[in-house]
Amino acid sequence: MPKPDRQKAISTLNALARVWPELRWPADGPISRVYRGDRGEAQLAVQVIARQAVELLTGPDRDHLRPCLAPNCLLFFADSHARREWCSPVCGNRARVARHYRRHHTSGVPLR
């Protein structure tokens, strides 16, 4: 599999992240934030996700990003505890099952 072009990925993310927040304050309701984009409403969700990615990667939580250590998982997560290793309980279970299998099936004969 070819290595992704880093600069192309960054340029794509920056191009998609062109959204801005607007204040919504109706006379008879609560204050809220809405996002507007330059590519139309159909692309707005993708643009908001791209903007949030830029904010996460450049914000104060960037030092808390960790790759999931489960086999074949490509996800990252923001750790909430120093000992956290997996992005979800499902990945944690998958990692424990793989570790158990390696321990007990390495020679072809289960260990007892």
Protein backbone atom coordinates (compact mmCIF):
# COMPACT_ATOMS: atom_id res chain seq x y z
CA MET A 1 0.00 0.00 0.00
CA PRO A 2 1.53 3.37 -0.98
CA LYS A 3 2.27 5.87 1.74
CA PRO A 4 -0.28 8.72 1.76
CA ASP A 5 0.94 12.10 0.62
CA ARG A 6 1.09 14.14 3.84
CA GLN A 7 0.93 17.56 2.19
CA LYS A 8 -2.01 16.54 0.02
CA ALA A 9 -3.90 15.30 3.10
CA ILE A 10 -3.20 18.57 4.95
CA SER A 11 -4.29 20.65 1.96
CA THR A 12 -7.51 18.65 1.61
CA LEU A 13 -8.29 19.05 5.31
CA ASN A 14 -7.65 22.80 5.17
CA ALA A 15 -9.82 23.19 2.08
CA LEU A 16 -12.67 21.31 3.74
CA ALA A 17 -12.37 23.17 7.05
CA ARG A 18 -13.64 26.45 5.61
CA VAL A 19 -16.62 26.93 7.89
CA TRP A 20 -17.36 29.56 10.48
CA PRO A 21 -19.56 29.70 13.53
CA GLU A 22 -22.43 32.18 13.70
CA LEU A 23 -24.40 33.27 16.71
CA ARG A 24 -28.11 32.50 16.76
CA TRP A 25 -30.04 34.39 19.44
CA PRO A 26 -33.78 34.37 18.83
CA ALA A 27 -35.92 36.73 20.92
CA ASP A 28 -37.90 33.83 22.34
CA GLY A 29 -35.25 31.13 22.68
CA PRO A 30 -31.81 30.18 23.90
CA ILE A 31 -28.50 31.31 22.41
CA SER A 32 -26.92 28.78 20.09
CA ARG A 33 -24.13 28.43 17.56
CA VAL A 34 -24.65 27.38 13.95
CA TYR A 35 -22.04 26.77 11.29
CA ARG A 36 -22.01 28.19 7.78
CA GLY A 37 -19.83 27.00 4.92
CA ASP A 38 -18.86 28.03 1.43
CA ARG A 39 -19.74 24.74 -0.28
CA GLY A 40 -23.46 24.52 0.37
CA GLU A 41 -25.56 22.71 2.91
CA ALA A 42 -24.85 19.22 1.55
CA GLN A 43 -21.14 19.53 2.40
CA LEU A 44 -21.62 21.31 5.73
CA ALA A 45 -21.27 18.19 7.91
CA VAL A 46 -17.98 17.25 6.25
CA GLN A 47 -16.73 20.83 6.62
CA VAL A 48 -17.63 20.96 10.32
CA ILE A 49 -15.84 17.64 10.96
CA ALA A 50 -12.75 18.92 9.11
CA ARG A 51 -12.77 22.12 11.18
CA GLN A 52 -13.08 20.12 14.39
CA ALA A 53 -10.12 17.98 13.28
CA VAL A 54 -7.99 21.10 12.79
CA GLU A 55 -9.06 22.41 16.21
CA LEU A 56 -8.27 19.07 17.88
CA LEU A 57 -4.87 18.68 16.20
CA THR A 58 -3.82 22.24 17.06
CA GLY A 59 -5.57 22.68 20.41
CA PRO A 60 -4.61 21.93 23.99
CA ASP A 61 -5.92 18.34 23.82
CA ARG A 62 -3.49 17.30 21.08
CA ASP A 63 -1.09 15.95 23.70
CA HIS A 64 -3.81 13.54 24.83
CA LEU A 65 -4.25 11.86 21.43
CA ARG A 66 -3.22 8.20 21.46
CA PRO A 67 -3.40 5.44 18.86
CA CYS A 68 -5.54 2.46 19.79
CA LEU A 69 -3.28 -0.51 20.63
CA ALA A 70 -5.80 -3.16 19.57
CA PRO A 71 -4.76 -5.39 16.64
CA ASN A 72 -5.73 -3.90 13.27
CA CYS A 73 -7.40 -0.79 14.75
CA LEU A 74 -6.46 2.45 13.02
CA LEU A 75 -8.36 4.79 15.34
CA PHE A 76 -7.03 7.41 17.73
CA PHE A 77 -8.65 8.61 20.94
CA ALA A 78 -8.20 11.37 23.49
CA ASP A 79 -7.07 9.58 26.62
CA SER A 80 -8.88 10.33 29.83
CA HIS A 81 -6.66 8.09 31.96
CA ALA A 82 -2.91 7.44 31.77
CA ARG A 83 -3.38 3.66 31.55
CA ARG A 84 -5.99 3.67 28.79
CA GLU A 85 -4.81 1.68 25.75
CA TRP A 86 -7.86 1.20 23.52
CA CYS A 87 -10.35 3.43 21.75
CA SER A 88 -13.35 1.41 22.96
CA PRO A 89 -14.29 -1.57 25.14
CA VAL A 90 -14.74 -3.62 21.95
CA CYS A 91 -11.12 -3.00 20.94
CA GLY A 92 -9.97 -3.76 24.48
CA ASN A 93 -11.77 -7.09 24.39
CA ARG A 94 -10.32 -7.87 20.97
CA ALA A 95 -6.80 -7.15 22.27
CA ARG A 96 -7.29 -9.34 25.34
CA VAL A 97 -8.66 -12.22 23.24
CA ALA A 98 -5.69 -11.95 20.85
CA ARG A 99 -3.25 -11.93 23.77
CA HIS A 100 -4.95 -14.97 25.31
CA TYR A 101 -4.86 -16.81 21.99
CA ARG A 102 -1.12 -16.08 21.54
CA ARG A 103 -0.36 -17.35 25.03
CA HIS A 104 -2.32 -20.57 24.73
CA HIS A 105 -1.97 -21.50 21.06
CA THR A 106 1.62 -20.67 20.16
CA SER A 107 2.81 -24.29 19.82
CA GLY A 108 -0.33 -25.63 18.18
CA VAL A 109 -1.26 -27.47 21.39
CA PRO A 110 -3.24 -25.56 24.02
CA LEU A 111 -1.35 -25.06 27.28
CA ARG A 112 -2.99 -26.25 30.48
